[in-house]
N, C-alpha and C. Protein backbone atom coordinates (compact mmCIF):
# COMPACT_ATOMS: atom_id res chain seq x y z
N MET A 1 9.75 -10.64 11.18
CA MET A 1 8.59 -9.81 10.96
C MET A 1 8.86 -8.74 9.91
N CYS A 2 10.02 -8.10 9.89
CA CYS A 2 10.31 -7.06 8.94
C CYS A 2 10.88 -7.64 7.65
N GLN A 3 10.19 -7.40 6.55
CA GLN A 3 10.62 -7.90 5.27
C GLN A 3 11.91 -7.24 4.77
N PHE A 4 12.29 -6.14 5.36
CA PHE A 4 13.49 -5.42 4.97
C PHE A 4 14.66 -5.66 5.93
N ASN A 5 14.45 -6.53 6.92
CA ASN A 5 15.47 -6.83 7.93
C ASN A 5 15.94 -5.58 8.67
N ALA A 6 15.03 -4.67 8.92
CA ALA A 6 15.38 -3.43 9.59
C ALA A 6 15.27 -3.51 11.10
N ILE A 7 14.71 -4.60 11.61
CA ILE A 7 14.49 -4.72 13.06
C ILE A 7 15.27 -5.91 13.59
N ARG A 8 15.95 -5.69 14.73
CA ARG A 8 16.60 -6.82 15.37
C ARG A 8 16.54 -6.63 16.88
N TYR A 9 16.54 -7.77 17.53
CA TYR A 9 16.46 -7.79 18.99
C TYR A 9 17.84 -7.97 19.59
N LEU A 10 18.17 -7.15 20.57
CA LEU A 10 19.44 -7.23 21.27
C LEU A 10 19.19 -7.83 22.64
N PRO A 11 19.44 -9.13 22.81
CA PRO A 11 19.13 -9.78 24.09
C PRO A 11 19.93 -9.22 25.26
N SER A 12 21.12 -8.70 24.99
CA SER A 12 21.97 -8.17 26.09
C SER A 12 21.31 -6.99 26.80
N VAL A 13 20.52 -6.21 26.09
CA VAL A 13 19.82 -5.07 26.70
C VAL A 13 18.30 -5.23 26.66
N LYS A 14 17.84 -6.37 26.14
CA LYS A 14 16.43 -6.66 26.05
C LYS A 14 15.65 -5.56 25.33
N ARG A 15 16.20 -5.17 24.19
CA ARG A 15 15.60 -4.10 23.38
C ARG A 15 15.59 -4.48 21.92
N VAL A 16 14.68 -3.89 21.22
CA VAL A 16 14.60 -4.01 19.77
C VAL A 16 15.10 -2.71 19.17
N ILE A 17 15.92 -2.81 18.16
CA ILE A 17 16.43 -1.62 17.50
C ILE A 17 15.98 -1.63 16.04
N VAL A 18 15.80 -0.46 15.48
CA VAL A 18 15.39 -0.29 14.09
C VAL A 18 16.52 0.37 13.34
N ASP A 19 16.96 -0.29 12.27
CA ASP A 19 18.00 0.26 11.40
C ASP A 19 17.32 1.19 10.41
N LEU A 20 17.44 2.50 10.61
CA LEU A 20 16.73 3.47 9.79
C LEU A 20 17.18 3.47 8.34
N ASP A 21 18.37 2.96 8.09
CA ASP A 21 18.84 2.89 6.69
C ASP A 21 18.17 1.76 5.92
N LYS A 22 17.60 0.77 6.65
CA LYS A 22 16.90 -0.33 6.01
C LYS A 22 15.38 -0.17 6.05
N CYS A 23 14.89 0.64 6.99
CA CYS A 23 13.45 0.78 7.19
C CYS A 23 12.83 1.58 6.05
N PHE A 24 11.71 1.05 5.50
CA PHE A 24 10.98 1.72 4.44
C PHE A 24 9.77 2.46 4.97
N GLY A 25 9.47 2.31 6.27
CA GLY A 25 8.34 2.99 6.87
C GLY A 25 6.97 2.42 6.50
N CYS A 26 6.94 1.13 6.19
CA CYS A 26 5.69 0.49 5.78
C CYS A 26 4.68 0.35 6.91
N GLY A 27 5.12 0.28 8.16
CA GLY A 27 4.22 0.20 9.29
C GLY A 27 3.85 -1.20 9.75
N VAL A 28 4.35 -2.24 9.10
CA VAL A 28 4.01 -3.60 9.48
C VAL A 28 4.43 -3.86 10.92
N CYS A 29 5.60 -3.42 11.31
CA CYS A 29 6.10 -3.64 12.67
C CYS A 29 5.22 -2.95 13.70
N ARG A 30 4.77 -1.76 13.36
CA ARG A 30 3.94 -1.00 14.29
C ARG A 30 2.63 -1.71 14.56
N HIS A 31 2.03 -2.28 13.54
CA HIS A 31 0.78 -2.97 13.71
C HIS A 31 0.95 -4.33 14.38
N ALA A 32 2.13 -4.91 14.25
CA ALA A 32 2.42 -6.22 14.87
C ALA A 32 2.79 -6.10 16.33
N CYS A 33 3.26 -4.94 16.76
CA CYS A 33 3.68 -4.77 18.13
C CYS A 33 2.50 -4.73 19.10
N LYS A 34 2.48 -5.66 20.01
CA LYS A 34 1.36 -5.78 20.94
C LYS A 34 1.37 -4.70 22.02
N HIS A 35 2.48 -4.01 22.19
CA HIS A 35 2.63 -3.05 23.27
C HIS A 35 2.60 -1.60 22.77
N ASP A 36 2.30 -1.41 21.49
CA ASP A 36 2.30 -0.03 20.89
C ASP A 36 3.60 0.70 21.20
N ALA A 37 4.71 0.00 21.14
CA ALA A 37 6.00 0.60 21.48
C ALA A 37 6.65 1.32 20.30
N LEU A 38 6.10 1.17 19.10
CA LEU A 38 6.69 1.79 17.92
C LEU A 38 5.80 2.90 17.37
N ASN A 39 6.44 3.98 16.96
CA ASN A 39 5.75 5.05 16.31
C ASN A 39 6.47 5.35 14.99
N LEU A 40 5.75 5.72 13.99
CA LEU A 40 6.36 6.10 12.73
C LEU A 40 6.32 7.60 12.59
N LEU A 41 7.43 8.16 12.20
CA LEU A 41 7.53 9.59 11.95
C LEU A 41 7.75 9.81 10.47
N PRO A 42 7.33 10.98 9.95
CA PRO A 42 7.65 11.28 8.57
C PRO A 42 9.19 11.32 8.43
N ARG A 43 9.68 10.73 7.35
CA ARG A 43 11.11 10.64 7.13
C ARG A 43 11.79 12.01 7.20
N GLU A 44 11.10 13.06 6.79
CA GLU A 44 11.65 14.42 6.83
C GLU A 44 11.92 14.88 8.24
N ASP A 45 11.23 14.29 9.23
CA ASP A 45 11.39 14.68 10.62
C ASP A 45 12.51 13.94 11.34
N VAL A 46 13.15 12.97 10.66
CA VAL A 46 14.20 12.17 11.28
C VAL A 46 15.55 12.62 10.73
N PRO A 47 16.44 13.14 11.59
CA PRO A 47 17.74 13.62 11.13
C PRO A 47 18.48 12.57 10.31
N GLY A 48 18.97 12.96 9.15
CA GLY A 48 19.74 12.09 8.30
C GLY A 48 18.91 11.19 7.40
N GLN A 49 17.60 11.23 7.49
CA GLN A 49 16.77 10.33 6.70
C GLN A 49 15.93 11.07 5.66
N ALA A 50 15.85 12.37 5.70
CA ALA A 50 15.06 13.13 4.75
C ALA A 50 15.56 12.88 3.33
N GLY A 51 14.65 12.67 2.41
CA GLY A 51 14.99 12.48 1.02
C GLY A 51 15.32 11.05 0.61
N LYS A 52 15.35 10.13 1.57
CA LYS A 52 15.63 8.73 1.23
C LYS A 52 14.33 8.07 0.78
N TYR A 53 14.46 7.18 -0.18
CA TYR A 53 13.35 6.42 -0.75
C TYR A 53 12.37 7.35 -1.34
């Protein structure tokens, strides 16, 4: 689903994780998620991500 390969599923914990270093914040994942489990934050609000891209 993610064109940047920022999302992967960990079957051992039955969770999806987002690699913030790969995520561009396009929102495709958020719209595709049937459970509204994803939220997008401004990059400036995420520690270590401000100023990227």
